[in-house]
Amino acid sequence: MPAAGDGATIGVIARTNPPEPLLERELASKISRLLEQREYRIAEPDKADFVLVADAAIDDGTPGIEYRPVTAGPEYYRTYAYDRRGRMTVVNSRIGPRTYYVPQSYTDYTKGLGLTLAKRSLLPATTQPLDMDPHSGNSVAWRCIASASGPESDLRWIVNHLLVASFKYLGRDTGREQSIRIPEHAKEIRTLADPAGDETSQQD
């Protein structure tokens, strides 16, 4: 991993599965912003000293069923009865509350973001930057894989969380898998997701 401020340049390539050209452009722009905030210089991938390849993907989802408790009641009843002498009495009774378990279906989606930084001079020769494969040989300088699972199926939104989590360990070897929780609307998420800060953002 080149040191920030040492003059080395980094080119960014973003790919998505399924392919989404606008999302790929937005993802590359966000990564460039995060690198520049850390004083790295950005250049075109075919001219940069290093290439950072980002692969973002979402699966088709895994359906499931869970049982959620629902509480009903209590229910009150009034019963009229007569005793042996013919006198009427009122008996009040209460039943519940009762808990029922109701099945509900859900779908969990797994979202992933792989970041691979490679020294461009060690990459296999290629004519198209998007065809660069940094996963083979000794070109890799740093790699990070982040994933999240849950009912959210918007990769464009979740990729902000994956980027923030990944860049906390930029250039570092964590030694083991890390688990990190980022609040849904944390400031760093809102800043990264803000279209005003991303000229290439999709227009709603």
Protein backbone atom coordinates (compact mmCIF):
# COMPACT_ATOMS: atom_id res chain seq x y z
CA MET A 1 0.00 0.00 0.00
CA PRO A 2 1.56 3.30 -1.04
CA ALA A 3 1.88 5.90 1.70
CA ALA A 4 -0.40 8.92 1.42
CA GLY A 5 1.45 11.92 0.05
CA ASP A 6 4.38 9.98 -1.45
CA GLY A 7 3.35 10.91 -4.99
CA ALA A 8 2.05 7.51 -6.10
CA THR A 9 -1.17 7.60 -8.09
CA ILE A 10 -4.18 5.29 -7.86
CA GLY A 11 -6.66 4.49 -10.60
CA VAL A 12 -10.13 3.24 -9.65
CA ILE A 13 -12.15 0.61 -11.49
CA ALA A 14 -15.64 -0.34 -10.29
CA ARG A 15 -17.66 -3.36 -11.41
CA THR A 16 -21.05 -4.57 -10.27
CA ASN A 17 -22.96 -7.84 -10.49
CA PRO A 18 -25.49 -7.60 -11.99
CA PRO A 19 -23.88 -4.95 -14.24
CA GLU A 20 -25.15 -1.44 -13.52
CA PRO A 21 -23.12 1.16 -15.46
CA LEU A 22 -24.47 4.15 -13.53
CA LEU A 23 -23.85 2.48 -10.18
CA GLU A 24 -20.35 1.51 -11.30
CA ARG A 25 -19.58 5.13 -12.19
CA GLU A 26 -21.00 6.34 -8.88
CA LEU A 27 -19.06 3.73 -6.93
CA ALA A 28 -15.79 4.68 -8.61
CA SER A 29 -16.44 8.34 -7.86
CA LYS A 30 -17.11 7.66 -4.18
CA ILE A 31 -13.95 5.58 -3.84
CA SER A 32 -11.96 8.37 -5.48
CA ARG A 33 -13.40 10.86 -3.00
CA LEU A 34 -12.48 8.63 -0.06
CA LEU A 35 -8.93 8.24 -1.37
CA GLU A 36 -8.52 11.96 -1.96
CA GLN A 37 -9.72 12.66 1.58
CA ARG A 38 -6.74 10.55 2.69
CA GLU A 39 -4.38 12.55 0.44
CA TYR A 40 -3.99 9.98 -2.31
CA ARG A 41 -3.67 11.16 -5.90
CA ILE A 42 -6.16 9.83 -8.47
CA ALA A 43 -5.24 9.01 -12.07
CA GLU A 44 -6.64 7.06 -14.99
CA PRO A 45 -6.31 3.30 -14.36
CA ASP A 46 -4.13 2.71 -17.44
CA LYS A 47 -1.66 5.40 -16.32
CA ALA A 48 -1.72 5.09 -12.51
CA ASP A 49 0.98 3.47 -10.37
CA PHE A 50 -1.65 1.37 -8.56
CA VAL A 51 -5.11 0.17 -9.55
CA LEU A 52 -7.92 -0.23 -7.02
CA VAL A 53 -10.57 -2.62 -8.34
CA ALA A 54 -13.95 -2.62 -6.61
CA ASP A 55 -16.38 -5.48 -7.19
CA ALA A 56 -19.87 -4.99 -5.72
CA ALA A 57 -22.59 -7.62 -5.90
CA ILE A 58 -25.92 -8.70 -4.47
CA ASP A 59 -27.44 -12.17 -4.59
CA ASP A 60 -30.99 -13.20 -5.48
CA GLY A 61 -31.99 -13.45 -1.84
CA THR A 62 -32.73 -16.35 0.47
CA PRO A 63 -36.39 -16.72 1.50
CA GLY A 64 -37.37 -17.90 4.96
CA ILE A 65 -40.20 -18.04 7.46
CA GLU A 66 -40.12 -16.83 11.03
CA TYR A 67 -42.77 -17.02 13.73
CA ARG A 68 -43.52 -13.78 15.52
CA PRO A 69 -45.49 -13.60 18.77
CA VAL A 70 -48.80 -11.77 18.73
CA THR A 71 -50.58 -11.11 22.01
CA ALA A 72 -54.37 -10.93 22.14
CA GLY A 73 -56.64 -10.17 25.03
CA PRO A 74 -57.36 -10.34 27.81
CA GLU A 75 -61.02 -11.14 27.22
CA TYR A 76 -63.69 -10.62 29.86
CA TYR A 77 -66.87 -12.65 30.22
CA ARG A 78 -69.97 -12.16 32.37
CA THR A 79 -72.08 -15.18 33.23
CA TYR A 80 -75.50 -15.14 34.89
CA ALA A 81 -76.37 -18.09 37.09
CA TYR A 82 -79.01 -19.04 39.67
CA ASP A 83 -78.31 -20.62 43.00
CA ARG A 84 -80.39 -23.23 44.77
CA ARG A 85 -82.71 -20.60 46.16
CA GLY A 86 -83.40 -19.14 42.76
CA ARG A 87 -81.34 -16.05 43.29
CA MET A 88 -79.42 -14.78 40.28
CA THR A 89 -75.71 -14.23 40.62
CA VAL A 90 -73.25 -12.67 38.25
CA VAL A 91 -69.89 -14.33 37.66
CA ASN A 92 -67.15 -12.26 36.01
CA SER A 93 -64.28 -14.14 34.43
CA ARG A 94 -61.13 -13.19 32.55
CA ILE A 95 -59.25 -15.22 29.98
CA GLY A 96 -55.84 -14.22 28.70
CA PRO A 97 -53.91 -12.48 27.51
CA ARG A 98 -52.99 -15.20 25.06
CA THR A 99 -49.90 -15.34 22.86
CA TYR A 100 -50.10 -16.72 19.35
CA TYR A 101 -47.21 -17.31 16.96
CA VAL A 102 -47.93 -16.09 13.45
CA PRO A 103 -45.74 -17.18 10.49
CA GLN A 104 -44.27 -14.37 8.41
CA SER A 105 -42.14 -14.73 5.31
CA TYR A 106 -38.98 -12.75 4.67
CA THR A 107 -36.06 -12.60 2.26
CA ASP A 108 -32.46 -11.98 3.27
CA TYR A 109 -30.06 -10.55 0.70
CA THR A 110 -26.29 -10.85 0.89
CA LYS A 111 -24.40 -7.81 -0.36
CA GLY A 112 -20.66 -7.86 -0.94
CA LEU A 113 -17.86 -5.45 -1.81
CA GLY A 114 -14.37 -6.58 -2.68
CA LEU A 115 -11.55 -4.01 -2.86
CA THR A 116 -8.24 -5.07 -4.38
CA LEU A 117 -5.26 -2.73 -4.71
CA ALA A 118 -2.66 -3.89 -7.18
CA LYS A 119 0.59 -2.49 -8.55
CA ARG A 120 -0.22 -1.80 -12.19
CA SER A 121 3.25 -2.62 -13.52
CA LEU A 122 2.89 -6.17 -12.19
CA LEU A 123 -0.52 -6.79 -13.76
CA PRO A 124 -0.85 -8.91 -16.92
CA ALA A 125 -0.84 -6.81 -20.07
CA THR A 126 -4.34 -5.73 -21.10
CA THR A 127 -5.86 -3.39 -23.62
CA GLN A 128 -8.98 -2.59 -21.60
CA PRO A 129 -8.73 -1.31 -17.98
CA LEU A 130 -11.95 -3.09 -17.04
CA ASP A 131 -10.32 -6.41 -18.00
CA MET A 132 -7.56 -6.00 -15.43
CA ASP A 133 -7.49 -8.96 -13.09
CA PRO A 134 -5.66 -8.04 -9.86
CA HIS A 135 -6.47 -11.34 -8.16
CA SER A 136 -3.60 -13.34 -9.59
CA GLY A 137 0.17 -13.13 -9.36
CA ASN A 138 2.16 -11.00 -6.93
CA SER A 139 0.61 -7.68 -7.90
CA VAL A 140 -1.78 -7.43 -4.93
CA ALA A 141 -0.75 -4.83 -2.34
CA TRP A 142 -3.92 -4.90 -0.23
CA ARG A 143 -7.31 -6.58 -0.32
CA CYS A 144 -10.50 -6.23 1.67
CA ILE A 145 -13.81 -8.08 1.39
CA ALA A 146 -16.86 -6.65 3.16
CA SER A 147 -20.31 -8.20 3.27
CA ALA A 148 -23.69 -7.56 4.84
CA SER A 149 -26.91 -9.55 4.95
CA GLY A 150 -30.48 -8.58 5.73
CA PRO A 151 -33.78 -7.59 4.12
CA GLU A 152 -32.38 -4.44 2.45
CA SER A 153 -32.12 -5.09 -1.29
CA ASP A 154 -30.83 -1.70 -2.42
CA LEU A 155 -27.17 -2.29 -3.30
CA ARG A 156 -26.71 1.40 -4.09
CA TRP A 157 -27.51 2.30 -0.47
CA ILE A 158 -25.74 -0.57 1.26
CA VAL A 159 -22.53 -0.05 -0.70
CA ASN A 160 -22.06 3.17 1.30
CA HIS A 161 -21.90 1.13 4.51
CA LEU A 162 -19.53 -1.39 2.93
CA LEU A 163 -17.22 1.38 1.73
CA VAL A 164 -17.13 3.13 5.10
CA ALA A 165 -16.40 -0.15 6.86
CA SER A 166 -13.68 -1.12 4.37
CA PHE A 167 -11.89 2.22 4.46
CA LYS A 168 -11.55 2.01 8.23
CA TYR A 169 -8.93 -0.66 7.49
CA LEU A 170 -7.41 0.82 4.33
CA GLY A 171 -3.93 -0.57 3.84
CA ARG A 172 -4.03 -2.57 7.07
CA ASP A 173 -3.82 -6.27 7.78
CA THR A 174 -6.48 -6.97 10.40
CA GLY A 175 -5.21 -10.49 10.97
CA ARG A 176 -8.71 -11.88 11.27
CA GLU A 177 -12.30 -11.20 10.27
CA GLN A 178 -13.73 -8.02 11.77
CA SER A 179 -17.36 -7.34 12.66
CA ILE A 180 -18.40 -3.72 12.57
CA ARG A 181 -21.76 -2.05 13.16
CA ILE A 182 -22.48 1.28 11.48
CA PRO A 183 -25.69 3.17 12.36
CA GLU A 184 -28.11 3.41 9.44
CA HIS A 185 -27.86 7.20 9.23
CA ALA A 186 -24.38 7.84 10.60
CA LYS A 187 -22.83 11.11 9.49
CA GLU A 188 -20.15 9.39 7.40
CA ILE A 189 -22.86 7.38 5.61
CA ARG A 190 -24.97 10.45 4.88
CA THR A 191 -21.92 12.38 3.65
CA LEU A 192 -20.86 9.61 1.30
CA ALA A 193 -24.41 9.05 0.02
CA ASP A 194 -25.08 12.75 -0.56
CA PRO A 195 -25.56 13.23 -4.32
CA ALA A 196 -24.36 16.84 -3.97
CA GLY A 197 -20.93 15.49 -3.20
CA ASP A 198 -20.89 13.17 -6.19
CA GLU A 199 -21.12 14.78 -9.60
CA THR A 200 -21.59 11.44 -11.30
CA SER A 201 -24.47 10.36 -9.08
CA GLN A 202 -27.61 9.00 -10.65
CA GLN A 203 -30.44 11.43 -10.96
CA ASP A 204 -33.72 10.47 -9.31
